[in-house]
C-alpha atoms as a PDB file:
ATOM      1  CA  UNK A   1    -158.871-112.557  35.971  1.00  0.00           C
ATOM      2  CA  UNK A   2    -156.261-115.307  36.074  1.00  0.00           C
ATOM      3  CA  UNK A   3    -154.588-116.087  39.400  1.00  0.00           C
ATOM      4  CA  UNK A   4    -151.403-114.173  40.194  1.00  0.00           C
ATOM      5  CA  UNK A   5    -149.211-113.753  43.230  1.00  0.00           C
ATOM      6  CA  UNK A   6    -150.541-111.031  45.552  1.00  0.00           C
ATOM      7  CA  UNK A   7    -148.507-109.392  48.315  1.00  0.00           C
ATOM      8  CA  UNK A   8    -149.022-106.920  51.118  1.00  0.00           C
ATOM      9  CA  UNK A   9    -148.093-103.332  50.276  1.00  0.00           C
ATOM     10  CA  UNK A  10    -144.803-103.537  52.205  1.00  0.00           C
ATOM     11  CA  UNK A  11    -143.786-106.764  50.479  1.00  0.00           C
ATOM     12  CA  UNK A  12    -144.895-105.379  47.091  1.00  0.00           C
ATOM     13  CA  UNK A  13    -142.603-102.351  47.604  1.00  0.00           C
ATOM     14  CA  UNK A  14    -139.658-104.650  48.248  1.00  0.00           C
ATOM     15  CA  UNK A  15    -140.416-106.672  45.124  1.00  0.00           C
ATOM     16  CA  UNK A  16    -140.755-103.468  43.113  1.00  0.00           C
ATOM     17  CA  UNK A  17    -137.419-102.160  44.375  1.00  0.00           C
ATOM     18  CA  UNK A  18    -135.732-105.387  43.337  1.00  0.00           C
ATOM     19  CA  UNK A  19    -137.183-105.035  39.835  1.00  0.00           C
ATOM     20  CA  UNK A  20    -136.214-101.333  39.764  1.00  0.00           C
ATOM     21  CA  UNK A  21    -132.584-102.293  40.293  1.00  0.00           C
ATOM     22  CA  UNK A  22    -132.803-104.572  37.232  1.00  0.00           C
ATOM     23  CA  UNK A  23    -134.513-101.811  35.236  1.00  0.00           C
ATOM     24  CA  UNK A  24    -131.705 -99.393  36.080  1.00  0.00           C
ATOM     25  CA  UNK A  25    -129.130-101.961  34.981  1.00  0.00           C
ATOM     26  CA  UNK A  26    -131.041-102.363  31.731  1.00  0.00           C
ATOM     27  CA  UNK A  27    -131.199 -98.589  31.199  1.00  0.00           C
ATOM     28  CA  UNK A  28    -127.435 -98.277  31.615  1.00  0.00           C
ATOM     29  CA  UNK A  29    -126.850-101.247  29.307  1.00  0.00           C
ATOM     30  CA  UNK A  30    -129.221 -99.730  26.737  1.00  0.00           C
ATOM     31  CA  UNK A  31    -127.393 -96.395  26.900  1.00  0.00           C
ATOM     32  CA  UNK A  32    -124.085 -98.176  26.299  1.00  0.00           C
ATOM     33  CA  UNK A  33    -125.566-100.131  23.390  1.00  0.00           C
ATOM     34  CA  UNK A  34    -126.989 -96.947  21.854  1.00  0.00           C
ATOM     35  CA  UNK A  35    -123.549 -95.320  22.029  1.00  0.00           C
ATOM     36  CA  UNK A  36    -121.954 -98.378  20.412  1.00  0.00           C
ATOM     37  CA  UNK A  37    -124.568 -98.185  17.665  1.00  0.00           C
ATOM     38  CA  UNK A  38    -123.754 -94.522  17.022  1.00  0.00           C
ATOM     39  CA  UNK A  39    -120.018 -95.303  17.066  1.00  0.00           C
ATOM     40  CA  UNK A  40    -120.361 -98.060  14.445  1.00  0.00           C
ATOM     41  CA  UNK A  41    -118.101 -97.356  11.416  1.00  0.00           C
ATOM     42  CA  UNK A  42    -119.817 -96.095   8.258  1.00  0.00           C
ATOM     43  CA  UNK A  43    -119.683 -97.306   4.666  1.00  0.00           C
ATOM     44  CA  UNK A  44    -119.953 -94.966   1.698  1.00  0.00           C
ATOM     45  CA  UNK A  45    -122.956 -95.414  -0.599  1.00  0.00           C
ATOM     46  CA  UNK A  46    -121.626 -95.537  -4.144  1.00  0.00           C
ATOM     47  CA  UNK A  47    -124.790 -96.476  -6.062  1.00  0.00           C
ATOM     48  CA  UNK A  48    -126.965 -93.769  -7.623  1.00  0.00           C
ATOM     49  CA  UNK A  49    -130.391 -94.941  -6.501  1.00  0.00           C
ATOM     50  CA  UNK A  50    -133.416 -93.232  -8.067  1.00  0.00           C
ATOM     51  CA  UNK A  51    -136.849 -93.715  -6.500  1.00  0.00           C
ATOM     52  CA  UNK A  52    -140.394 -92.995  -7.648  1.00  0.00           C
ATOM     53  CA  UNK A  53    -142.232 -90.508  -5.446  1.00  0.00           C
ATOM     54  CA  UNK A  54    -145.661 -88.919  -5.791  1.00  0.00           C
ATOM     55  CA  UNK A  55    -144.104 -85.834  -7.417  1.00  0.00           C
ATOM     56  CA  UNK A  56    -141.615 -87.645  -9.666  1.00  0.00           C
ATOM     57  CA  UNK A  57    -138.138 -89.146  -9.492  1.00  0.00           C
ATOM     58  CA  UNK A  58    -136.034 -88.731  -6.363  1.00  0.00           C
ATOM     59  CA  UNK A  59    -132.405 -89.564  -5.694  1.00  0.00           C
ATOM     60  CA  UNK A  60    -131.285 -90.988  -2.373  1.00  0.00           C
ATOM     61  CA  UNK A  61    -129.809 -87.567  -1.563  1.00  0.00           C
ATOM     62  CA  UNK A  62    -133.185 -85.938  -2.186  1.00  0.00           C
ATOM     63  CA  UNK A  63    -134.842 -88.273   0.314  1.00  0.00           C
ATOM     64  CA  UNK A  64    -132.883 -86.413   3.007  1.00  0.00           C
ATOM     65  CA  UNK A  65    -135.147 -83.424   2.230  1.00  0.00           C
ATOM     66  CA  UNK A  66    -132.502 -80.880   3.251  1.00  0.00           C
ATOM     67  CA  UNK A  67    -131.515 -82.648   6.474  1.00  0.00           C
ATOM     68  CA  UNK A  68    -128.301 -84.414   7.385  1.00  0.00           C
ATOM     69  CA  UNK A  69    -129.648 -87.787   8.529  1.00  0.00           C
ATOM     70  CA  UNK A  70    -132.127 -90.227   7.010  1.00  0.00           C
ATOM     71  CA  UNK A  71    -134.051 -93.203   8.354  1.00  0.00           C
ATOM     72  CA  UNK A  72    -135.436 -95.608   5.752  1.00  0.00           C
ATOM     73  CA  UNK A  73    -138.039 -98.164   6.758  1.00  0.00           C
ATOM     74  CA  UNK A  74    -138.022-101.124   4.376  1.00  0.00           C
ATOM     75  CA  UNK A  75    -141.781-101.670   4.130  1.00  0.00           C
ATOM     76  CA  UNK A  76    -142.803-105.098   2.857  1.00  0.00           C
ATOM     77  CA  UNK A  77    -144.973-104.377  -0.181  1.00  0.00           C
ATOM     78  CA  UNK A  78    -144.014-106.408  -3.214  1.00  0.00           C
ATOM     79  CA  UNK A  79    -145.147-105.929  -6.821  1.00  0.00           C
ATOM     80  CA  UNK A  80    -148.666-107.236  -7.302  1.00  0.00           C
ATOM     81  CA  UNK A  81    -149.560-107.365  -3.610  1.00  0.00           C
ATOM     82  CA  UNK A  82    -153.101-106.274  -2.748  1.00  0.00           C
ATOM     83  CA  UNK A  83    -152.079-104.856   0.645  1.00  0.00           C
ATOM     84  CA  UNK A  84    -148.980-104.125   2.665  1.00  0.00           C
ATOM     85  CA  UNK A  85    -147.473-106.489   5.201  1.00  0.00           C
ATOM     86  CA  UNK A  86    -149.573-106.509   8.361  1.00  0.00           C
ATOM     87  CA  UNK A  87    -146.583-106.356  10.729  1.00  0.00           C
ATOM     88  CA  UNK A  88    -145.057-103.469   8.750  1.00  0.00           C
ATOM     89  CA  UNK A  89    -148.439-101.744   8.862  1.00  0.00           C
ATOM     90  CA  UNK A  90    -148.601-102.080  12.639  1.00  0.00           C
ATOM     91  CA  UNK A  91    -145.131-100.559  12.893  1.00  0.00           C
ATOM     92  CA  UNK A  92    -145.951 -97.823  10.362  1.00  0.00           C
ATOM     93  CA  UNK A  93    -148.899 -96.696  12.496  1.00  0.00           C
ATOM     94  CA  UNK A  94    -146.229 -95.199  14.771  1.00  0.00           C
ATOM     95  CA  UNK A  95    -144.473 -93.120  12.098  1.00  0.00           C
ATOM     96  CA  UNK A  96    -146.725 -90.073  11.657  1.00  0.00           C
ATOM     97  CA  UNK A  97    -146.426 -88.753  15.253  1.00  0.00           C
ATOM     98  CA  UNK A  98    -142.647 -89.321  15.264  1.00  0.00           C
ATOM     99  CA  UNK A  99    -141.780 -87.594  11.988  1.00  0.00           C
ATOM    100  CA  UNK A 100    -142.219 -84.011  13.229  1.00  0.00           C
ATOM    101  CA  UNK A 101    -139.914 -84.680  16.186  1.00  0.00           C
ATOM    102  CA  UNK A 102    -137.328 -86.371  13.982  1.00  0.00           C
ATOM    103  CA  UNK A 103    -137.407 -83.442  11.547  1.00  0.00           C
ATOM    104  CA  UNK A 104    -136.645 -80.992  14.355  1.00  0.00           C
ATOM    105  CA  UNK A 105    -133.533 -83.040  15.115  1.00  0.00           C
ATOM    106  CA  UNK A 106    -132.088 -83.040  11.598  1.00  0.00           C
ATOM    107  CA  UNK A 107    -133.591 -86.441  10.687  1.00  0.00           C
ATOM    108  CA  UNK A 108    -135.846 -87.268   7.749  1.00  0.00           C
ATOM    109  CA  UNK A 109    -137.806 -90.497   7.569  1.00  0.00           C
ATOM    110  CA  UNK A 110    -139.172 -92.319   4.536  1.00  0.00           C
ATOM    111  CA  UNK A 111    -140.624 -95.738   3.785  1.00  0.00           C
ATOM    112  CA  UNK A 112    -139.361 -97.625   0.740  1.00  0.00           C
ATOM    113  CA  UNK A 113    -141.095-100.558  -0.979  1.00  0.00           C
ATOM    114  CA  UNK A 114    -140.315-102.539  -4.115  1.00  0.00           C
ATOM    115  CA  UNK A 115    -143.888-102.364  -5.431  1.00  0.00           C
ATOM    116  CA  UNK A 116    -144.639 -99.623  -7.983  1.00  0.00           C
ATOM    117  CA  UNK A 117    -145.882 -96.406  -6.416  1.00  0.00           C
ATOM    118  CA  UNK A 118    -149.367 -96.633  -7.905  1.00  0.00           C
ATOM    119  CA  UNK A 119    -149.870-100.018  -6.256  1.00  0.00           C
ATOM    120  CA  UNK A 120    -149.309 -98.933  -2.661  1.00  0.00           C
ATOM    121  CA  UNK A 121    -150.527 -95.301  -2.853  1.00  0.00           C
ATOM    122  CA  UNK A 122    -154.216 -96.303  -2.366  1.00  0.00           C
ATOM    123  CA  UNK A 123    -153.239 -98.454   0.626  1.00  0.00           C
ATOM    124  CA  UNK A 124    -151.351 -95.536   2.180  1.00  0.00           C
ATOM    125  CA  UNK A 125    -154.414 -93.315   1.766  1.00  0.00           C
ATOM    126  CA  UNK A 126    -156.704 -95.963   3.221  1.00  0.00           C
ATOM    127  CA  UNK A 127    -154.487 -96.262   6.289  1.00  0.00           C
ATOM    128  CA  UNK A 128    -154.447 -92.501   6.862  1.00  0.00           C
ATOM    129  CA  UNK A 129    -150.664 -92.213   6.696  1.00  0.00           C
ATOM    130  CA  UNK A 130    -148.870 -89.029   5.630  1.00  0.00           C
ATOM    131  CA  UNK A 131    -145.193 -90.005   6.032  1.00  0.00           C
ATOM    132  CA  UNK A 132    -143.154 -90.093   2.792  1.00  0.00           C
ATOM    133  CA  UNK A 133    -143.268 -93.437   0.970  1.00  0.00           C
ATOM    134  CA  UNK A 134    -141.425 -94.095  -2.280  1.00  0.00           C
ATOM    135  CA  UNK A 135    -140.897 -96.999  -4.666  1.00  0.00           C
ATOM    136  CA  UNK A 136    -137.602 -98.744  -5.416  1.00  0.00           C
ATOM    137  CA  UNK A 137    -139.161-100.761  -8.247  1.00  0.00           C
ATOM    138  CA  UNK A 138    -136.642 -99.557 -10.844  1.00  0.00           C
ATOM    139  CA  UNK A 139    -133.456 -99.864  -8.782  1.00  0.00           C
ATOM    140  CA  UNK A 140    -131.489-102.388  -6.700  1.00  0.00           C
ATOM    141  CA  UNK A 141    -131.940-100.652  -3.355  1.00  0.00           C
ATOM    142  CA  UNK A 142    -133.974-103.470  -1.793  1.00  0.00           C
ATOM    143  CA  UNK A 143    -131.604-106.112  -3.099  1.00  0.00           C
ATOM    144  CA  UNK A 144    -128.516-104.232  -1.922  1.00  0.00           C
ATOM    145  CA  UNK A 145    -129.945-103.899   1.590  1.00  0.00           C
ATOM    146  CA  UNK A 146    -131.091-107.516   1.672  1.00  0.00           C
ATOM    147  CA  UNK A 147    -134.837-107.030   2.033  1.00  0.00           C
ATOM    148  CA  UNK A 148    -135.966-108.426  -1.353  1.00  0.00           C
ATOM    149  CA  UNK A 149    -135.246-111.875  -2.724  1.00  0.00           C
ATOM    150  CA  UNK A 150    -135.806-113.742  -5.973  1.00  0.00           C
ATOM    151  CA  UNK A 151    -138.106-116.710  -6.394  1.00  0.00           C
ATOM    152  CA  UNK A 152    -135.015-118.739  -7.279  1.00  0.00           C
ATOM    153  CA  UNK A 153    -133.405-117.860  -3.947  1.00  0.00           C
ATOM    154  CA  UNK A 154    -136.543-118.864  -2.089  1.00  0.00           C
ATOM    155  CA  UNK A 155    -136.728-122.131  -3.998  1.00  0.00           C
ATOM    156  CA  UNK A 156    -133.092-122.788  -3.121  1.00  0.00           C
ATOM    157  CA  UNK A 157    -133.939-122.462   0.561  1.00  0.00           C
ATOM    158  CA  UNK A 158    -131.411-119.761   1.410  1.00  0.00           C
ATOM    159  CA  UNK A 159    -131.428-115.963   1.346  1.00  0.00           C
ATOM    160  CA  UNK A 160    -129.124-113.476   3.053  1.00  0.00           C
ATOM    161  CA  UNK A 161    -131.145-111.678   5.740  1.00  0.00           C
ATOM    162  CA  UNK A 162    -130.209-110.135   9.079  1.00  0.00           C
ATOM    163  CA  UNK A 163    -126.507-110.692   8.387  1.00  0.00           C
ATOM    164  CA  UNK A 164    -126.779-114.444   7.906  1.00  0.00           C
ATOM    165  CA  UNK A 165    -127.832-117.006   5.310  1.00  0.00           C
ATOM    166  CA  UNK A 166    -131.167-118.531   6.227  1.00  0.00           C
ATOM    167  CA  UNK A 167    -134.464-119.749   4.899  1.00  0.00           C
ATOM    168  CA  UNK A 168    -137.194-117.169   4.326  1.00  0.00           C
ATOM    169  CA  UNK A 169    -140.845-117.611   3.340  1.00  0.00           C
ATOM    170  CA  UNK A 170    -141.388-114.724   0.899  1.00  0.00           C
ATOM    171  CA  UNK A 171    -139.763-112.301  -1.515  1.00  0.00           C
ATOM    172  CA  UNK A 172    -139.912-109.243   0.783  1.00  0.00           C
ATOM    173  CA  UNK A 173    -138.538-108.727   4.291  1.00  0.00           C
ATOM    174  CA  UNK A 174    -138.730-105.910   6.854  1.00  0.00           C
ATOM    175  CA  UNK A 175    -135.851-103.739   7.958  1.00  0.00           C
ATOM    176  CA  UNK A 176    -134.667-100.260   8.844  1.00  0.00           C
ATOM    177  CA  UNK A 177    -131.564 -98.509   7.513  1.00  0.00           C
ATOM    178  CA  UNK A 178    -129.892 -95.264   8.529  1.00  0.00           C
ATOM    179  CA  UNK A 179    -127.851 -92.882   6.380  1.00  0.00           C
ATOM    180  CA  UNK A 180    -125.931 -89.662   6.919  1.00  0.00           C
ATOM    181  CA  UNK A 181    -124.901 -86.996   4.395  1.00  0.00           C
ATOM    182  CA  UNK A 182    -121.798 -84.890   4.903  1.00  0.00           C
ATOM    183  CA  UNK A 183    -121.121 -81.286   3.875  1.00  0.00           C
ATOM    184  CA  UNK A 184    -119.672 -82.448   0.546  1.00  0.00           C
ATOM    185  CA  UNK A 185    -122.884 -84.314  -0.261  1.00  0.00           C
ATOM    186  CA  UNK A 186    -121.420 -87.787   0.161  1.00  0.00           C
ATOM    187  CA  UNK A 187    -123.833 -90.337   1.646  1.00  0.00           C
ATOM    188  CA  UNK A 188    -122.880 -93.021   4.145  1.00  0.00           C
ATOM    189  CA  UNK A 189    -124.751 -96.063   5.417  1.00  0.00           C
ATOM    190  CA  UNK A 190    -124.410 -96.131   9.207  1.00  0.00           C
ATOM    191  CA  UNK A 191    -126.774 -98.830  10.463  1.00  0.00           C
ATOM    192  CA  UNK A 192    -129.377-101.413   9.464  1.00  0.00           C
ATOM    193  CA  UNK A 193    -131.624-103.570  11.623  1.00  0.00           C
ATOM    194  CA  UNK A 194    -133.915-106.461  10.784  1.00  0.00           C
ATOM    195  CA  UNK A 195    -136.261-108.982  12.379  1.00  0.00           C
ATOM    196  CA  UNK A 196    -136.718-108.581  16.126  1.00  0.00           C
ATOM    197  CA  UNK A 197    -134.363-105.610  16.000  1.00  0.00           C
ATOM    198  CA  UNK A 198    -137.361-103.608  14.785  1.00  0.00           C
ATOM    199  CA  UNK A 199    -139.281-104.121  18.039  1.00  0.00           C
ATOM    200  CA  UNK A 200    -137.746-101.042  19.624  1.00  0.00           C
ATOM    201  CA  UNK A 201    -139.455 -98.834  17.014  1.00  0.00           C
ATOM    202  CA  UNK A 202    -142.941-100.004  18.041  1.00  0.00           C
ATOM    203  CA  UNK A 203    -144.165 -97.670  20.781  1.00  0.00           C
ATOM    204  CA  UNK A 204    -147.237 -99.795  21.504  1.00  0.00           C
ATOM    205  CA  UNK A 205    -144.971-102.686  22.483  1.00  0.00           C
ATOM    206  CA  UNK A 206    -143.274-100.571  25.144  1.00  0.00           C
ATOM    207  CA  UNK A 207    -146.667 -99.838  26.697  1.00  0.00           C
ATOM    208  CA  UNK A 208    -147.789-103.466  26.375  1.00  0.00           C
ATOM    209  CA  UNK A 209    -144.594-104.673  28.043  1.00  0.00           C
ATOM    210  CA  UNK A 210    -145.632-103.006  31.333  1.00  0.00           C
ATOM    211  CA  UNK A 211    -149.153-104.484  31.534  1.00  0.00           C
ATOM    212  CA  UNK A 212    -149.761-107.928  33.054  1.00  0.00           C
ATOM    213  CA  UNK A 213    -150.761-109.674  29.814  1.00  0.00           C
ATOM    214  CA  UNK A 214    -147.892-108.259  27.789  1.00  0.00           C
ATOM    215  CA  UNK A 215    -148.079-108.146  24.022  1.00  0.00           C
ATOM    216  CA  UNK A 216    -151.475-109.816  23.785  1.00  0.00           C
ATOM    217  CA  UNK A 217    -150.606-113.237  22.459  1.00  0.00           C
ATOM    218  CA  UNK A 218    -153.360-115.807  22.291  1.00  0.00           C
ATOM    219  CA  UNK A 219    -151.952-117.410  25.438  1.00  0.00           C
ATOM    220  CA  UNK A 220    -151.783-114.202  27.510  1.00  0.00           C
ATOM    221  CA  UNK A 221    -154.811-112.294  26.200  1.00  0.00           C
ATOM    222  CA  UNK A 222    -157.426-114.526  24.550  1.00  0.00           C
ATOM    223  CA  UNK A 223    -160.003-111.721  24.585  1.00  0.00           C
ATOM    224  CA  UNK A 224    -157.908-109.883  21.968  1.00  0.00           C
ATOM    225  CA  UNK A 225    -158.631-112.626  19.449  1.00  0.00           C
ATOM    226  CA  UNK A 226    -161.979-112.560  17.687  1.00  0.00           C
ATOM    227  CA  UNK A 227    -163.541-115.397  15.749  1.00  0.00           C
ATOM    228  CA  UNK A 228    -161.774-114.628  12.476  1.00  0.00           C
ATOM    229  CA  UNK A 229    -158.334-114.498  14.020  1.00  0.00           C
ATOM    230  CA  UNK A 230    -158.857-117.600  16.140  1.00  0.00           C
ATOM    231  CA  UNK A 231    -159.236-119.751  13.034  1.00  0.00           C
ATOM    232  CA  UNK A 232    -155.506-119.337  12.370  1.00  0.00           C
ATOM    233  CA  UNK A 233    -153.093-121.332  14.583  1.00  0.00           C
ATOM    234  CA  UNK A 234    -150.934-118.478  15.946  1.00  0.00           C
ATOM    235  CA  UNK A 235    -150.623-119.441  19.590  1.00  0.00           C
ATOM    236  CA  UNK A 236    -147.482-117.415  20.276  1.00  0.00           C
ATOM    237  CA  UNK A 237    -147.893-114.609  17.789  1.00  0.00           C
ATOM    238  CA  UNK A 238    -148.515-110.994  18.706  1.00  0.00           C
ATOM    239  CA  UNK A 239    -151.247-108.737  17.386  1.00  0.00           C
ATOM    240  CA  UNK A 240    -148.769-107.226  14.955  1.00  0.00           C
ATOM    241  CA  UNK A 241    -148.263-110.644  13.409  1.00  0.00           C
ATOM    242  CA  UNK A 242    -151.873-111.745  13.412  1.00  0.00           C
ATOM    243  CA  UNK A 243    -153.251-109.790  10.479  1.00  0.00           C
ATOM    244  CA  UNK A 244    -154.693-106.707  12.156  1.00  0.00           C
ATOM    245  CA  UNK A 245    -154.842-103.266  10.545  1.00  0.00           C
ATOM    246  CA  UNK A 246    -156.115-100.031  11.948  1.00  0.00           C
ATOM    247  CA  UNK A 247    -159.329 -98.896  10.307  1.00  0.00           C
ATOM    248  CA  UNK A 248    -159.792 -95.482   8.732  1.00  0.00           C
ATOM    249  CA  UNK A 249    -162.863 -93.357   8.405  1.00  0.00           C
ATOM    250  CA  UNK A 250    -164.626 -93.565   5.034  1.00  0.00           C
ATOM    251  CA  UNK A 251    -164.000 -89.853   4.580  1.00  0.00           C
ATOM    252  CA  UNK A 252    -160.252 -90.479   4.683  1.00  0.00           C
ATOM    253  CA  UNK A 253    -159.843 -89.253   8.248  1.00  0.00           C
ATOM    254  CA  UNK A 254    -157.424 -90.611  10.804  1.00  0.00           C
ATOM    255  CA  UNK A 255    -157.370 -94.109  12.243  1.00  0.00           C
ATOM    256  CA  UNK A 256    -160.329 -95.174  14.322  1.00  0.00           C
ATOM    257  CA  UNK A 257    -159.814 -97.115  17.536  1.00  0.00           C
ATOM    258  CA  UNK A 258    -160.110-100.841  16.977  1.00  0.00           C
ATOM    259  CA  UNK A 259    -158.855-103.344  14.482  1.00  0.00           C
ATOM    260  CA  UNK A 260    -160.128-105.352  11.573  1.00  0.00           C
ATOM    261  CA  UNK A 261    -158.971-108.690  10.248  1.00  0.00           C
ATOM    262  CA  UNK A 262    -158.415-108.930   6.467  1.00  0.00           C
ATOM    263  CA  UNK A 263    -160.577-111.502   4.755  1.00  0.00           C
ATOM    264  CA  UNK A 264    -158.987-114.828   3.904  1.00  0.00           C
ATOM    265  CA  UNK A 265    -156.770-114.577   0.854  1.00  0.00           C
ATOM    266  CA  UNK A 266    -156.393-110.782   0.949  1.00  0.00           C
ATOM    267  CA  UNK A 267    -152.838-110.915   2.230  1.00  0.00           C
ATOM    268  CA  UNK A 268    -149.986-112.306   0.188  1.00  0.00           C
ATOM    269  CA  UNK A 269    -147.451-111.416   2.880  1.00  0.00           C
ATOM    270  CA  UNK A 270    -147.380-112.517   6.483  1.00  0.00           C
END
């Protein structure tokens, strides 16, 4: 174990109380931010998006599945990719347990990717996921919400992502968008988040943030990196960014504990 400051119990209690005061300030600030997020003005969705689902075509309204609110996770899976984005996959491992609780609170949740449905359906089965996942291959949904880019945009060095023009390394990007449907059936876009804004949807990170080695970067937790991973220079990258997937039982059962590293060349996204 690496060296770390050690105190007597009485001194530790004082240090903990000082941190508790900061945690309470953070909780109040987070509550205020959450209210500001809910109070954000809406914009009406005018486009008639049609998605490909396992049982046929679905409109954006049908993705609500009879509920009044909808969360869409923009899952990075582009046409022709052999597997989904590893960071999106890490995040998606948290969806199944949450969906039932969201549904009971008038919220539906669905993942959307630009790849055709038949390309990512086997990957979904392999990962043991049951949350809804549809394709936007035949519409402009990904483009309109700034999570898919053209090769020409990439070559030009600038795409519009996370509310700013910036460089980006690939044609697909992660994000999360929220919609609400009123009694008349009109749909409104209420919120979208990208980049590090997605951290708050990763439950594992909240647990990792309270342990001494944090999110298991190479620097803080070298034992989390096996030989395959250590060949890639990712000194400050987390497990979610390092190419790890959960493994599933051959019979198609749920995820097994542990991780595997995709073989070199398997991933086209990072």
